[in-house]
Amino acid sequence: MIAHNPERAVRDQVVREQILARLELEIAAADKLTATKRAELYGALTTKPAFNRFLRKTKTGKLRVDRSAVAREAKLDGKYLLRTSDESLTAEDIARLQGALRSRTRLARPEVNNRHAPRLPPPR
């Protein structure tokens, strides 16, 4: 069953926008670099999973934000998969049980509720 959490959707969007802002800062001057330096920058950026999923290299070796990857990821904002091996449960049962589990987790760790989207370290 696929579930949607509107609060998580907002958080996913904010985090993605932060990642894209940082990535655009990192590659802003890349076109002026030599091909070797640009390749080094590409290699360094691809070691970071957050950047790697939105970074693409053109045929000429220029670094760009992969807008199709951004659009694909935006479609998943706030969505997550709930699955069980108990085939007797209905979708409503699974959603209710997941909600109860989430509320227990919140009670056990209240600091998680007050946490905002993580901040990325400042650019180099």
PDB file of N, CA and C in Angstrom:
ATOM      1  N   MET A   1       0.848  -1.170   0.000  1.00  0.00           N
ATOM      2  CA  MET A   1       0.000   0.000   0.000  1.00  0.00           C
ATOM      3  C   MET A   1       0.896   1.236   0.000  1.00  0.00           C
ATOM      4  N   ILE A   2       0.547   2.205  -0.795  1.00  0.00           N
ATOM      5  CA  ILE A   2       1.296   3.460  -0.824  1.00  0.00           C
ATOM      6  C   ILE A   2       0.536   4.476   0.005  1.00  0.00           C
ATOM      7  N   ALA A   3       1.252   5.127   0.918  1.00  0.00           N
ATOM      8  CA  ALA A   3       0.650   6.122   1.800  1.00  0.00           C
ATOM      9  C   ALA A   3       1.237   7.491   1.479  1.00  0.00           C
ATOM     10  N   HIS A   4       0.501   8.529   1.843  1.00  0.00           N
ATOM     11  CA  HIS A   4       0.961   9.898   1.609  1.00  0.00           C
ATOM     12  C   HIS A   4       0.847  10.694   2.892  1.00  0.00           C
ATOM     13  N   ASN A   5       1.926  11.382   3.224  1.00  0.00           N
ATOM     14  CA  ASN A   5       1.969  12.228   4.406  1.00  0.00           C
ATOM     15  C   ASN A   5       2.221  13.663   3.937  1.00  0.00           C
ATOM     16  N   PRO A   6       1.220  14.548   4.015  1.00  0.00           N
ATOM     17  CA  PRO A   6       1.387  15.920   3.520  1.00  0.00           C
ATOM     18  C   PRO A   6       2.518  16.687   4.222  1.00  0.00           C
ATOM     19  N   GLU A   7       2.697  16.450   5.524  1.00  0.00           N
ATOM     20  CA  GLU A   7       3.788  17.125   6.239  1.00  0.00           C
ATOM     21  C   GLU A   7       5.142  16.673   5.705  1.00  0.00           C
ATOM     22  N   ARG A   8       5.261  15.395   5.449  1.00  0.00           N
ATOM     23  CA  ARG A   8       6.500  14.851   4.907  1.00  0.00           C
ATOM     24  C   ARG A   8       6.730  15.367   3.485  1.00  0.00           C
ATOM     25  N   ALA A   9       5.652  15.574   2.733  1.00  0.00           N
ATOM     26  CA  ALA A   9       5.776  16.100   1.375  1.00  0.00           C
ATOM     27  C   ALA A   9       6.398  17.490   1.398  1.00  0.00           C
ATOM     28  N   VAL A  10       5.953  18.317   2.340  1.00  0.00           N
ATOM     29  CA  VAL A  10       6.516  19.673   2.466  1.00  0.00           C
ATOM     30  C   VAL A  10       7.985  19.574   2.839  1.00  0.00           C
ATOM     31  N   ARG A  11       8.309  18.707   3.797  1.00  0.00           N
ATOM     32  CA  ARG A  11       9.700  18.553   4.221  1.00  0.00           C
ATOM     33  C   ARG A  11      10.566  18.061   3.066  1.00  0.00           C
ATOM     34  N   ASP A  12      10.083  17.070   2.302  1.00  0.00           N
ATOM     35  CA  ASP A  12      10.835  16.552   1.156  1.00  0.00           C
ATOM     36  C   ASP A  12      11.124  17.660   0.146  1.00  0.00           C
ATOM     37  N   GLN A  13      10.135  18.519  -0.096  1.00  0.00           N
ATOM     38  CA  GLN A  13      10.312  19.614  -1.041  1.00  0.00           C
ATOM     39  C   GLN A  13      11.352  20.614  -0.533  1.00  0.00           C
ATOM     40  N   VAL A  14      11.286  20.958   0.745  1.00  0.00           N
ATOM     41  CA  VAL A  14      12.242  21.912   1.324  1.00  0.00           C
ATOM     42  C   VAL A  14      13.664  21.359   1.249  1.00  0.00           C
ATOM     43  N   VAL A  15      13.830  20.105   1.601  1.00  0.00           N
ATOM     44  CA  VAL A  15      15.159  19.483   1.564  1.00  0.00           C
ATOM     45  C   VAL A  15      15.691  19.454   0.135  1.00  0.00           C
ATOM     46  N   ARG A  16      14.834  19.080  -0.823  1.00  0.00           N
ATOM     47  CA  ARG A  16      15.270  19.048  -2.220  1.00  0.00           C
ATOM     48  C   ARG A  16      15.680  20.435  -2.698  1.00  0.00           C
ATOM     49  N   GLU A  17      14.928  21.462  -2.331  1.00  0.00           N
ATOM     50  CA  GLU A  17      15.283  22.837  -2.723  1.00  0.00           C
ATOM     51  C   GLU A  17      16.620  23.255  -2.125  1.00  0.00           C
ATOM     52  N   GLN A  18      16.893  22.847  -0.885  1.00  0.00           N
ATOM     53  CA  GLN A  18      18.189  23.159  -0.270  1.00  0.00           C
ATOM     54  C   GLN A  18      19.323  22.463  -1.020  1.00  0.00           C
ATOM     55  N   ILE A  19      19.101  21.197  -1.356  1.00  0.00           N
ATOM     56  CA  ILE A  19      20.127  20.445  -2.088  1.00  0.00           C
ATOM     57  C   ILE A  19      20.382  21.083  -3.447  1.00  0.00           C
ATOM     58  N   LEU A  20      19.313  21.454  -4.156  1.00  0.00           N
ATOM     59  CA  LEU A  20      19.469  22.057  -5.482  1.00  0.00           C
ATOM     60  C   LEU A  20      20.167  23.409  -5.410  1.00  0.00           C
ATOM     61  N   ALA A  21      19.857  24.196  -4.392  1.00  0.00           N
ATOM     62  CA  ALA A  21      20.520  25.496  -4.235  1.00  0.00           C
ATOM     63  C   ALA A  21      22.018  25.298  -4.038  1.00  0.00           C
ATOM     64  N   ARG A  22      22.386  24.336  -3.192  1.00  0.00           N
ATOM     65  CA  ARG A  22      23.806  24.053  -2.959  1.00  0.00           C
ATOM     66  C   ARG A  22      24.483  23.522  -4.207  1.00  0.00           C
ATOM     67  N   LEU A  23      23.788  22.627  -4.919  1.00  0.00           N
ATOM     68  CA  LEU A  23      24.362  22.049  -6.133  1.00  0.00           C
ATOM     69  C   LEU A  23      24.580  23.132  -7.184  1.00  0.00           C
ATOM     70  N   GLU A  24      23.619  24.015  -7.346  1.00  0.00           N
ATOM     71  CA  GLU A  24      23.768  25.091  -8.325  1.00  0.00           C
ATOM     72  C   GLU A  24      24.922  26.011  -7.955  1.00  0.00           C
ATOM     73  N   LEU A  25      25.133  26.254  -6.665  1.00  0.00           N
ATOM     74  CA  LEU A  25      26.297  27.041  -6.225  1.00  0.00           C
ATOM     75  C   LEU A  25      27.598  26.333  -6.584  1.00  0.00           C
ATOM     76  N   GLU A  26      27.630  25.032  -6.373  1.00  0.00           N
ATOM     77  CA  GLU A  26      28.839  24.248  -6.631  1.00  0.00           C
ATOM     78  C   GLU A  26      29.205  24.237  -8.118  1.00  0.00           C
ATOM     79  N   ILE A  27      28.197  24.177  -8.991  1.00  0.00           N
ATOM     80  CA  ILE A  27      28.498  24.045 -10.422  1.00  0.00           C
ATOM     81  C   ILE A  27      28.396  25.375 -11.182  1.00  0.00           C
ATOM     82  N   ALA A  28      28.115  26.465 -10.485  1.00  0.00           N
ATOM     83  CA  ALA A  28      27.907  27.758 -11.153  1.00  0.00           C
ATOM     84  C   ALA A  28      29.089  28.168 -12.025  1.00  0.00           C
ATOM     85  N   ALA A  29      30.282  28.013 -11.537  1.00  0.00           N
ATOM     86  CA  ALA A  29      31.466  28.452 -12.278  1.00  0.00           C
ATOM     87  C   ALA A  29      32.142  27.303 -13.016  1.00  0.00           C
ATOM     88  N   ALA A  30      31.520  26.161 -13.064  1.00  0.00           N
ATOM     89  CA  ALA A  30      32.151  24.971 -13.657  1.00  0.00           C
ATOM     90  C   ALA A  30      32.421  25.130 -15.153  1.00  0.00           C
ATOM     91  N   ASP A  31      31.589  25.890 -15.864  1.00  0.00           N
ATOM     92  CA  ASP A  31      31.792  26.055 -17.307  1.00  0.00           C
ATOM     93  C   ASP A  31      33.107  26.767 -17.621  1.00  0.00           C
ATOM     94  N   LYS A  32      33.598  27.558 -16.685  1.00  0.00           N
ATOM     95  CA  LYS A  32      34.846  28.297 -16.893  1.00  0.00           C
ATOM     96  C   LYS A  32      36.077  27.458 -16.572  1.00  0.00           C
ATOM     97  N   LEU A  33      35.880  26.305 -15.934  1.00  0.00           N
ATOM     98  CA  LEU A  33      37.003  25.446 -15.573  1.00  0.00           C
ATOM     99  C   LEU A  33      37.508  24.672 -16.776  1.00  0.00           C
ATOM    100  N   THR A  34      38.742  24.200 -16.667  1.00  0.00           N
ATOM    101  CA  THR A  34      39.270  23.327 -17.716  1.00  0.00           C
ATOM    102  C   THR A  34      38.531  22.001 -17.640  1.00  0.00           C
ATOM    103  N   ALA A  35      38.637  21.227 -18.695  1.00  0.00           N
ATOM    104  CA  ALA A  35      37.947  19.930 -18.739  1.00  0.00           C
ATOM    105  C   ALA A  35      38.417  19.027 -17.597  1.00  0.00           C
ATOM    106  N   THR A  36      39.699  19.087 -17.285  1.00  0.00           N
ATOM    107  CA  THR A  36      40.235  18.256 -16.201  1.00  0.00           C
ATOM    108  C   THR A  36      39.674  18.678 -14.856  1.00  0.00           C
ATOM    109  N   LYS A  37      39.673  19.973 -14.593  1.00  0.00           N
ATOM    110  CA  LYS A  37      39.140  20.473 -13.319  1.00  0.00           C
ATOM    111  C   LYS A  37      37.636  20.208 -13.210  1.00  0.00           C
ATOM    112  N   ARG A  38      36.940  20.325 -14.331  1.00  0.00           N
ATOM    113  CA  ARG A  38      35.509  20.055 -14.333  1.00  0.00           C
ATOM    114  C   ARG A  38      35.241  18.578 -14.037  1.00  0.00           C
ATOM    115  N   ALA A  39      36.080  17.708 -14.583  1.00  0.00           N
ATOM    116  CA  ALA A  39      35.949  16.271 -14.320  1.00  0.00           C
ATOM    117  C   ALA A  39      36.230  15.975 -12.845  1.00  0.00           C
ATOM    118  N   GLU A  40      37.215  16.674 -12.272  1.00  0.00           N
ATOM    119  CA  GLU A  40      37.503  16.495 -10.845  1.00  0.00           C
ATOM    120  C   GLU A  40      36.313  16.954  -9.990  1.00  0.00           C
ATOM    121  N   LEU A  41      35.733  18.085 -10.364  1.00  0.00           N
ATOM    122  CA  LEU A  41      34.568  18.586  -9.631  1.00  0.00           C
ATOM    123  C   LEU A  41      33.408  17.604  -9.746  1.00  0.00           C
ATOM    124  N   TYR A  42      33.185  17.080 -10.941  1.00  0.00           N
ATOM    125  CA  TYR A  42      32.119  16.098 -11.154  1.00  0.00           C
ATOM    126  C   TYR A  42      32.346  14.874 -10.269  1.00  0.00           C
ATOM    127  N   GLY A  43      33.586  14.395 -10.252  1.00  0.00           N
ATOM    128  CA  GLY A  43      33.909  13.244  -9.415  1.00  0.00           C
ATOM    129  C   GLY A  43      33.661  13.513  -7.941  1.00  0.00           C
ATOM    130  N   ALA A  44      34.035  14.703  -7.483  1.00  0.00           N
ATOM    131  CA  ALA A  44      33.828  15.059  -6.074  1.00  0.00           C
ATOM    132  C   ALA A  44      32.340  15.166  -5.746  1.00  0.00           C
ATOM    133  N   LEU A  45      31.570  15.759  -6.644  1.00  0.00           N
ATOM    134  CA  LEU A  45      30.139  15.929  -6.385  1.00  0.00           C
ATOM    135  C   LEU A  45      29.377  14.608  -6.431  1.00  0.00           C
ATOM    136  N   THR A  46      29.814  13.688  -7.282  1.00  0.00           N
ATOM    137  CA  THR A  46      29.108  12.406  -7.374  1.00  0.00           C
ATOM    138  C   THR A  46      29.362  11.508  -6.165  1.00  0.00           C
ATOM    139  N   THR A  47      30.331  11.863  -5.337  1.00  0.00           N
ATOM    140  CA  THR A  47      30.547  11.080  -4.109  1.00  0.00           C
ATOM    141  C   THR A  47      29.501  11.416  -3.056  1.00  0.00           C
ATOM    142  N   LYS A  48      28.772  12.507  -3.276  1.00  0.00           N
ATOM    143  CA  LYS A  48      27.717  12.913  -2.342  1.00  0.00           C
ATOM    144  C   LYS A  48      26.372  12.479  -2.928  1.00  0.00           C
ATOM    145  N   PRO A  49      25.706  11.492  -2.314  1.00  0.00           N
ATOM    146  CA  PRO A  49      24.460  10.969  -2.881  1.00  0.00           C
ATOM    147  C   PRO A  49      23.394  12.034  -3.120  1.00  0.00           C
ATOM    148  N   ALA A  50      23.310  13.023  -2.250  1.00  0.00           N
ATOM    149  CA  ALA A  50      22.294  14.067  -2.428  1.00  0.00           C
ATOM    150  C   ALA A  50      22.525  14.825  -3.730  1.00  0.00           C
ATOM    151  N   PHE A  51      23.786  15.105  -4.060  1.00  0.00           N
ATOM    152  CA  PHE A  51      24.103  15.822  -5.297  1.00  0.00           C
ATOM    153  C   PHE A  51      24.060  14.894  -6.497  1.00  0.00           C
ATOM    154  N   ASN A  52      24.541  13.678  -6.329  1.00  0.00           N
ATOM    155  CA  ASN A  52      24.662  12.748  -7.445  1.00  0.00           C
ATOM    156  C   ASN A  52      23.327  12.475  -8.125  1.00  0.00           C
ATOM    157  N   ARG A  53      22.250  12.408  -7.360  1.00  0.00           N
ATOM    158  CA  ARG A  53      20.967  12.069  -7.988  1.00  0.00           C
ATOM    159  C   ARG A  53      20.378  13.206  -8.810  1.00  0.00           C
ATOM    160  N   PHE A  54      20.899  14.429  -8.655  1.00  0.00           N
ATOM    161  CA  PHE A  54      20.398  15.563  -9.437  1.00  0.00           C
ATOM    162  C   PHE A  54      21.435  16.135 -10.404  1.00  0.00           C
ATOM    163  N   LEU A  55      22.597  15.543 -10.474  1.00  0.00           N
ATOM    164  CA  LEU A  55      23.680  16.067 -11.306  1.00  0.00           C
ATOM    165  C   LEU A  55      23.769  15.275 -12.599  1.00  0.00           C
ATOM    166  N   ARG A  56      23.989  15.992 -13.688  1.00  0.00           N
ATOM    167  CA  ARG A  56      24.226  15.308 -14.958  1.00  0.00           C
ATOM    168  C   ARG A  56      25.368  16.004 -15.684  1.00  0.00           C
ATOM    169  N   LYS A  57      25.992  15.275 -16.573  1.00  0.00           N
ATOM    170  CA  LYS A  57      27.088  15.804 -17.374  1.00  0.00           C
ATOM    171  C   LYS A  57      26.638  15.790 -18.828  1.00  0.00           C
ATOM    172  N   THR A  58      26.786  16.909 -19.515  1.00  0.00           N
ATOM    173  CA  THR A  58      26.390  16.974 -20.917  1.00  0.00           C
ATOM    174  C   THR A  58      27.414  16.239 -21.779  1.00  0.00           C
ATOM    175  N   LYS A  59      27.109  16.078 -23.051  1.00  0.00           N
ATOM    176  CA  LYS A  59      28.038  15.410 -23.968  1.00  0.00           C
ATOM    177  C   LYS A  59      29.360  16.158 -24.079  1.00  0.00           C
ATOM    178  N   THR A  60      29.304  17.464 -23.886  1.00  0.00           N
ATOM    179  CA  THR A  60      30.524  18.276 -23.958  1.00  0.00           C
ATOM    180  C   THR A  60      31.247  18.347 -22.612  1.00  0.00           C
ATOM    181  N   GLY A  61      30.727  17.663 -21.599  1.00  0.00           N
ATOM    182  CA  GLY A  61      31.390  17.617 -20.306  1.00  0.00           C
ATOM    183  C   GLY A  61      30.972  18.703 -19.327  1.00  0.00           C
ATOM    184  N   LYS A  62      29.963  19.483 -19.694  1.00  0.00           N
ATOM    185  CA  LYS A  62      29.503  20.538 -18.779  1.00  0.00           C
ATOM    186  C   LYS A  62      28.578  19.958 -17.726  1.00  0.00           C
ATOM    187  N   LEU A  63      28.589  20.557 -16.552  1.00  0.00           N
ATOM    188  CA  LEU A  63      27.781  20.076 -15.433  1.00  0.00           C
ATOM    189  C   LEU A  63      26.478  20.848 -15.369  1.00  0.00           C
ATOM    190  N   ARG A  64      25.387  20.108 -15.237  1.00  0.00           N
ATOM    191  CA  ARG A  64      24.062  20.708 -15.183  1.00  0.00           C
ATOM    192  C   ARG A  64      23.211  19.986 -14.142  1.00  0.00           C
ATOM    193  N   VAL A  65      22.154  20.663 -13.694  1.00  0.00           N
ATOM    194  CA  VAL A  65      21.163  20.032 -12.825  1.00  0.00           C
ATOM    195  C   VAL A  65      20.240  19.208 -13.726  1.00  0.00           C
ATOM    196  N   ASP A  66      20.011  17.973 -13.346  1.00  0.00           N
ATOM    197  CA  ASP A  66      19.154  17.078 -14.111  1.00  0.00           C
ATOM    198  C   ASP A  66      17.696  17.366 -13.749  1.00  0.00           C
ATOM    199  N   ARG A  67      17.054  18.225 -14.530  1.00  0.00           N
ATOM    200  CA  ARG A  67      15.676  18.649 -14.233  1.00  0.00           C
ATOM    201  C   ARG A  67      14.683  17.491 -14.310  1.00  0.00           C
ATOM    202  N   SER A  68      14.940  16.505 -15.159  1.00  0.00           N
ATOM    203  CA  SER A  68      14.026  15.357 -15.217  1.00  0.00           C
ATOM    204  C   SER A  68      14.115  14.535 -13.932  1.00  0.00           C
ATOM    205  N   ALA A  69      15.305  14.418 -13.356  1.00  0.00           N
ATOM    206  CA  ALA A  69      15.455  13.711 -12.075  1.00  0.00           C
ATOM    207  C   ALA A  69      14.758  14.480 -10.962  1.00  0.00           C
ATOM    208  N   VAL A  70      14.834  15.810 -11.011  1.00  0.00           N
ATOM    209  CA  VAL A  70      14.148  16.641 -10.018  1.00  0.00           C
ATOM    210  C   VAL A  70      12.642  16.425 -10.114  1.00  0.00           C
ATOM    211  N   ALA A  71      12.114  16.411 -11.326  1.00  0.00           N
ATOM    212  CA  ALA A  71      10.672  16.216 -11.519  1.00  0.00           C
ATOM    213  C   ALA A  71      10.231  14.821 -11.069  1.00  0.00           C
ATOM    214  N   ARG A  72      11.052  13.809 -11.384  1.00  0.00           N
ATOM    215  CA  ARG A  72      10.730  12.440 -10.940  1.00  0.00           C
ATOM    216  C   ARG A  72      10.684  12.356  -9.422  1.00  0.00           C
ATOM    217  N   GLU A  73      11.663  12.956  -8.778  1.00  0.00           N
ATOM    218  CA  GLU A  73      11.724  12.910  -7.320  1.00  0.00           C
ATOM    219  C   GLU A  73      10.577  13.700  -6.689  1.00  0.00           C
ATOM    220  N   ALA A  74      10.184  14.813  -7.301  1.00  0.00           N
ATOM    221  CA  ALA A  74       9.089  15.631  -6.759  1.00  0.00           C
ATOM    222  C   ALA A  74       7.778  14.850  -6.728  1.00  0.00           C
ATOM    223  N   LYS A  75       7.601  13.939  -7.666  1.00  0.00           N
ATOM    224  CA  LYS A  75       6.378  13.135  -7.693  1.00  0.00           C
ATOM    225  C   LYS A  75       6.277  12.194  -6.487  1.00  0.00           C
ATOM    226  N   LEU A  76       7.411  11.940  -5.835  1.00  0.00           N
ATOM    227  CA  LEU A  76       7.427  11.022  -4.695  1.00  0.00           C
ATOM    228  C   LEU A  76       7.336  11.731  -3.349  1.00  0.00           C
ATOM    229  N   ASP A  77       7.243  13.049  -3.352  1.00  0.00           N
ATOM    230  CA  ASP A  77       7.202  13.797  -2.100  1.00  0.00           C
ATOM    231  C   ASP A  77       6.094  13.296  -1.186  1.00  0.00           C
ATOM    232  N   GLY A  78       6.474  12.944   0.031  1.00  0.00           N
ATOM    233  CA  GLY A  78       5.507  12.537   1.037  1.00  0.00           C
ATOM    234  C   GLY A  78       4.959  11.137   0.882  1.00  0.00           C
ATOM    235  N   LYS A  79       5.388  10.408  -0.127  1.00  0.00           N
ATOM    236  CA  LYS A  79       4.866   9.062  -0.351  1.00  0.00           C
ATOM    237  C   LYS A  79       5.824   8.025   0.210  1.00  0.00           C
ATOM    238  N   TYR A  80       5.247   6.988   0.753  1.00  0.00           N
ATOM    239  CA  TYR A  80       6.055   5.872   1.222  1.00  0.00           C
ATOM    240  C   TYR A  80       5.249   4.590   1.118  1.00  0.00           C
ATOM    241  N   LEU A  81       5.955   3.495   1.118  1.00  0.00           N
ATOM    242  CA  LEU A  81       5.348   2.187   0.916  1.00  0.00           C
ATOM    243  C   LEU A  81       5.149   1.490   2.254  1.00  0.00           C
ATOM    244  N   LEU A  82       3.943   0.985   2.468  1.00  0.00           N
ATOM    245  CA  LEU A  82       3.651   0.163   3.636  1.00  0.00           C
ATOM    246  C   LEU A  82       3.395  -1.248   3.126  1.00  0.00           C
ATOM    247  N   ARG A  83       4.108  -2.206   3.687  1.00  0.00           N
ATOM    248  CA  ARG A  83       3.874  -3.570   3.225  1.00  0.00           C
ATOM    249  C   ARG A  83       3.880  -4.519   4.411  1.00  0.00           C
ATOM    250  N   THR A  84       3.221  -5.621   4.211  1.00  0.00           N
ATOM    251  CA  THR A  84       3.109  -6.637   5.247  1.00  0.00           C
ATOM    252  C   THR A  84       3.020  -8.002   4.591  1.00  0.00           C
ATOM    253  N   SER A  85       3.387  -9.003   5.345  1.00  0.00           N
ATOM    254  CA  SER A  85       3.255 -10.370   4.835  1.00  0.00           C
ATOM    255  C   SER A  85       1.910 -10.972   5.240  1.00  0.00           C
ATOM    256  N   ASP A  86       1.126 -10.255   6.053  1.00  0.00           N
ATOM    257  CA  ASP A  86      -0.190 -10.722   6.498  1.00  0.00           C
ATOM    258  C   ASP A  86      -1.235 -10.328   5.458  1.00  0.00           C
ATOM    259  N   GLU A  87      -1.635 -11.275   4.644  1.00  0.00           N
ATOM    260  CA  GLU A  87      -2.559 -10.991   3.548  1.00  0.00           C
ATOM    261  C   GLU A  87      -3.990 -10.769   4.023  1.00  0.00           C
ATOM    262  N   SER A  88      -4.266 -11.041   5.298  1.00  0.00           N
ATOM    263  CA  SER A  88      -5.626 -10.858   5.808  1.00  0.00           C
ATOM    264  C   SER A  88      -5.925  -9.393   6.158  1.00  0.00           C
ATOM    265  N   LEU A  89      -4.887  -8.551   6.232  1.00  0.00           N
ATOM    266  CA  LEU A  89      -5.085  -7.144   6.582  1.00  0.00           C
ATOM    267  C   LEU A  89      -5.577  -6.341   5.381  1.00  0.00           C
ATOM    268  N   THR A  90      -6.535  -5.462   5.633  1.00  0.00           N
ATOM    269  CA  THR A  90      -6.999  -4.556   4.584  1.00  0.00           C
ATOM    270  C   THR A  90      -6.104  -3.329   4.570  1.00  0.00           C
ATOM    271  N   ALA A  91      -6.256  -2.492   3.549  1.00  0.00           N
ATOM    272  CA  ALA A  91      -5.477  -1.256   3.467  1.00  0.00           C
ATOM    273  C   ALA A  91      -5.749  -0.369   4.669  1.00  0.00           C
ATOM    274  N   GLU A  92      -6.994  -0.328   5.116  1.00  0.00           N
ATOM    275  CA  GLU A  92      -7.352   0.485   6.283  1.00  0.00           C
ATOM    276  C   GLU A  92      -6.661  -0.036   7.543  1.00  0.00           C
ATOM    277  N   ASP A  93      -6.605  -1.375   7.692  1.00  0.00           N
ATOM    278  CA  ASP A  93      -5.932  -1.972   8.853  1.00  0.00           C
ATOM    279  C   ASP A  93      -4.449  -1.602   8.863  1.00  0.00           C
ATOM    280  N   ILE A  94      -3.828  -1.699   7.703  1.00  0.00           N
ATOM    281  CA  ILE A  94      -2.397  -1.392   7.602  1.00  0.00           C
ATOM    282  C   ILE A  94      -2.156   0.070   7.951  1.00  0.00           C
ATOM    283  N   ALA A  95      -2.978   0.968   7.416  1.00  0.00           N
ATOM    284  CA  ALA A  95      -2.823   2.397   7.695  1.00  0.00           C
ATOM    285  C   ALA A  95      -3.038   2.688   9.179  1.00  0.00           C
ATOM    286  N   ARG A  96      -4.032   2.060   9.785  1.00  0.00           N
ATOM    287  CA  ARG A  96      -4.311   2.279  11.209  1.00  0.00           C
ATOM    288  C   ARG A  96      -3.144   1.785  12.062  1.00  0.00           C
ATOM    289  N   LEU A  97      -2.631   0.599  11.749  1.00  0.00           N
ATOM    290  CA  LEU A  97      -1.510   0.042  12.506  1.00  0.00           C
ATOM    291  C   LEU A  97      -0.252   0.887  12.337  1.00  0.00           C
ATOM    292  N   GLN A  98      -0.030   1.377  11.132  1.00  0.00           N
ATOM    293  CA  GLN A  98       1.140   2.217  10.887  1.00  0.00           C
ATOM    294  C   GLN A  98       1.009   3.521  11.660  1.00  0.00           C
ATOM    295  N   GLY A  99      -0.178   4.097  11.700  1.00  0.00           N
ATOM    296  CA  GLY A  99      -0.404   5.330  12.459  1.00  0.00           C
ATOM    297  C   GLY A  99      -0.165   5.113  13.940  1.00  0.00           C
ATOM    298  N   ALA A 100      -0.619   3.967  14.474  1.00  0.00           N
ATOM    299  CA  ALA A 100      -0.386   3.661  15.884  1.00  0.00           C
ATOM    300  C   ALA A 100       1.103   3.491  16.158  1.00  0.00           C
ATOM    301  N   LEU A 101       1.796   2.847  15.256  1.00  0.00           N
ATOM    302  CA  LEU A 101       3.236   2.669  15.421  1.00  0.00           C
ATOM    303  C   LEU A 101       3.959   4.010  15.390  1.00  0.00           C
ATOM    304  N   ARG A 102       3.543   4.880  14.457  1.00  0.00           N
ATOM    305  CA  ARG A 102       4.174   6.202  14.361  1.00  0.00           C
ATOM    306  C   ARG A 102       3.942   7.012  15.636  1.00  0.00           C
ATOM    307  N   SER A 103       2.728   6.963  16.202  1.00  0.00           N
ATOM    308  CA  SER A 103       2.455   7.739  17.411  1.00  0.00           C
ATOM    309  C   SER A 103       3.243   7.183  18.597  1.00  0.00           C
ATOM    310  N   ARG A 104       3.437   5.878  18.667  1.00  0.00           N
ATOM    311  CA  ARG A 104       4.274   5.301  19.733  1.00  0.00           C
ATOM    312  C   ARG A 104       5.709   5.764  19.596  1.00  0.00           C
ATOM    313  N   THR A 105       6.196   5.807  18.369  1.00  0.00           N
ATOM    314  CA  THR A 105       7.566   6.259  18.134  1.00  0.00           C
ATOM    315  C   THR A 105       7.710   7.715  18.555  1.00  0.00           C
ATOM    316  N   ARG A 106       6.718   8.544  18.255  1.00  0.00           N
ATOM    317  CA  ARG A 106       6.767   9.954  18.660  1.00  0.00           C
ATOM    318  C   ARG A 106       6.801  10.089  20.177  1.00  0.00           C
ATOM    319  N   LEU A 107       6.015   9.272  20.856  1.00  0.00           N
ATOM    320  CA  LEU A 107       5.998   9.337  22.316  1.00  0.00           C
ATOM    321  C   LEU A 107       7.342   8.918  22.899  1.00  0.00           C
ATOM    322  N   ALA A 108       7.979   7.962  22.263  1.00  0.00           N
ATOM    323  CA  ALA A 108       9.268   7.489  22.758  1.00  0.00           C
ATOM    324  C   ALA A 108      10.384   8.478  22.468  1.00  0.00           C
ATOM    325  N   ARG A 109      10.259   9.239  21.376  1.00  0.00           N
ATOM    326  CA  ARG A 109      11.299  10.195  20.984  1.00  0.00           C
ATOM    327  C   ARG A 109      10.662  11.532  20.628  1.00  0.00           C
ATOM    328  N   PRO A 110      10.252  12.313  21.591  1.00  0.00           N
ATOM    329  CA  PRO A 110       9.550  13.560  21.294  1.00  0.00           C
ATOM    330  C   PRO A 110      10.405  14.604  20.574  1.00  0.00           C
ATOM    331  N   GLU A 111      11.711  14.525  20.697  1.00  0.00           N
ATOM    332  CA  GLU A 111      12.554  15.519  20.037  1.00  0.00           C
ATOM    333  C   GLU A 111      12.473  15.427  18.520  1.00  0.00           C
ATOM    334  N   VAL A 112      12.076  14.281  17.993  1.00  0.00           N
ATOM    335  CA  VAL A 112      11.965  14.113  16.546  1.00  0.00           C
ATOM    336  C   VAL A 112      10.859  14.996  15.993  1.00  0.00           C
ATOM    337  N   ASN A 113       9.766  15.197  16.741  1.00  0.00           N
ATOM    338  CA  ASN A 113       8.645  15.997  16.268  1.00  0.00           C
ATOM    339  C   ASN A 113       9.012  17.455  16.048  1.00  0.00           C
ATOM    340  N   ASN A 114       9.931  17.974  16.827  1.00  0.00           N
ATOM    341  CA  ASN A 114      10.272  19.391  16.759  1.00  0.00           C
ATOM    342  C   ASN A 114      11.422  19.676  15.810  1.00  0.00           C
ATOM    343  N   ARG A 115      11.948  18.655  15.196  1.00  0.00           N
ATOM    344  CA  ARG A 115      13.100  18.821  14.320  1.00  0.00           C
ATOM    345  C   ARG A 115      12.654  19.381  12.968  1.00  0.00           C
ATOM    346  N   HIS A 116      13.380  20.347  12.465  1.00  0.00           N
ATOM    347  CA  HIS A 116      13.098  20.902  11.136  1.00  0.00           C
ATOM    348  C   HIS A 116      13.935  20.153  10.110  1.00  0.00           C
ATOM    349  N   ALA A 117      13.740  20.477   8.874  1.00  0.00           N
ATOM    350  CA  ALA A 117      14.518  19.862   7.811  1.00  0.00           C
ATOM    351  C   ALA A 117      16.000  20.092   8.093  1.00  0.00           C
ATOM    352  N   PRO A 118      16.831  19.075   7.871  1.00  0.00           N
ATOM    353  CA  PRO A 118      18.247  19.227   8.194  1.00  0.00           C
ATOM    354  C   PRO A 118      18.894  20.297   7.329  1.00  0.00           C
ATOM    355  N   ARG A 119      19.827  21.002   7.916  1.00  0.00           N
ATOM    356  CA  ARG A 119      20.560  22.029   7.184  1.00  0.00           C
ATOM    357  C   ARG A 119      21.834  21.429   6.628  1.00  0.00           C
ATOM    358  N   LEU A 120      22.150  21.808   5.419  1.00  0.00           N
ATOM    359  CA  LEU A 120      23.373  21.327   4.799  1.00  0.00           C
ATOM    360  C   LEU A 120      24.531  22.210   5.267  1.00  0.00           C
ATOM    361  N   PRO A 121      25.731  21.673   5.297  1.00  0.00           N
ATOM    362  CA  PRO A 121      26.870  22.506   5.676  1.00  0.00           C
ATOM    363  C   PRO A 121      27.099  23.590   4.627  1.00  0.00           C
ATOM    364  N   PRO A 122      27.733  24.696   5.007  1.00  0.00           N
ATOM    365  CA  PRO A 122      27.947  25.784   4.046  1.00  0.00           C
ATOM    366  C   PRO A 122      28.817  25.321   2.882  1.00  0.00           C
ATOM    367  N   PRO A 123      28.658  25.931   1.704  1.00  0.00           N
ATOM    368  CA  PRO A 123      29.459  25.525   0.545  1.00  0.00           C
ATOM    369  C   PRO A 123      30.923  25.845   0.770  1.00  0.00           C
ATOM    370  N   ARG A 124      31.760  25.096   0.085  1.00  0.00           N
ATOM    371  CA  ARG A 124      33.210  25.295   0.211  1.00  0.00           C
ATOM    372  C   ARG A 124      33.642  26.553  -0.471  1.00  0.00           C
TER     373      ARG A 124
END
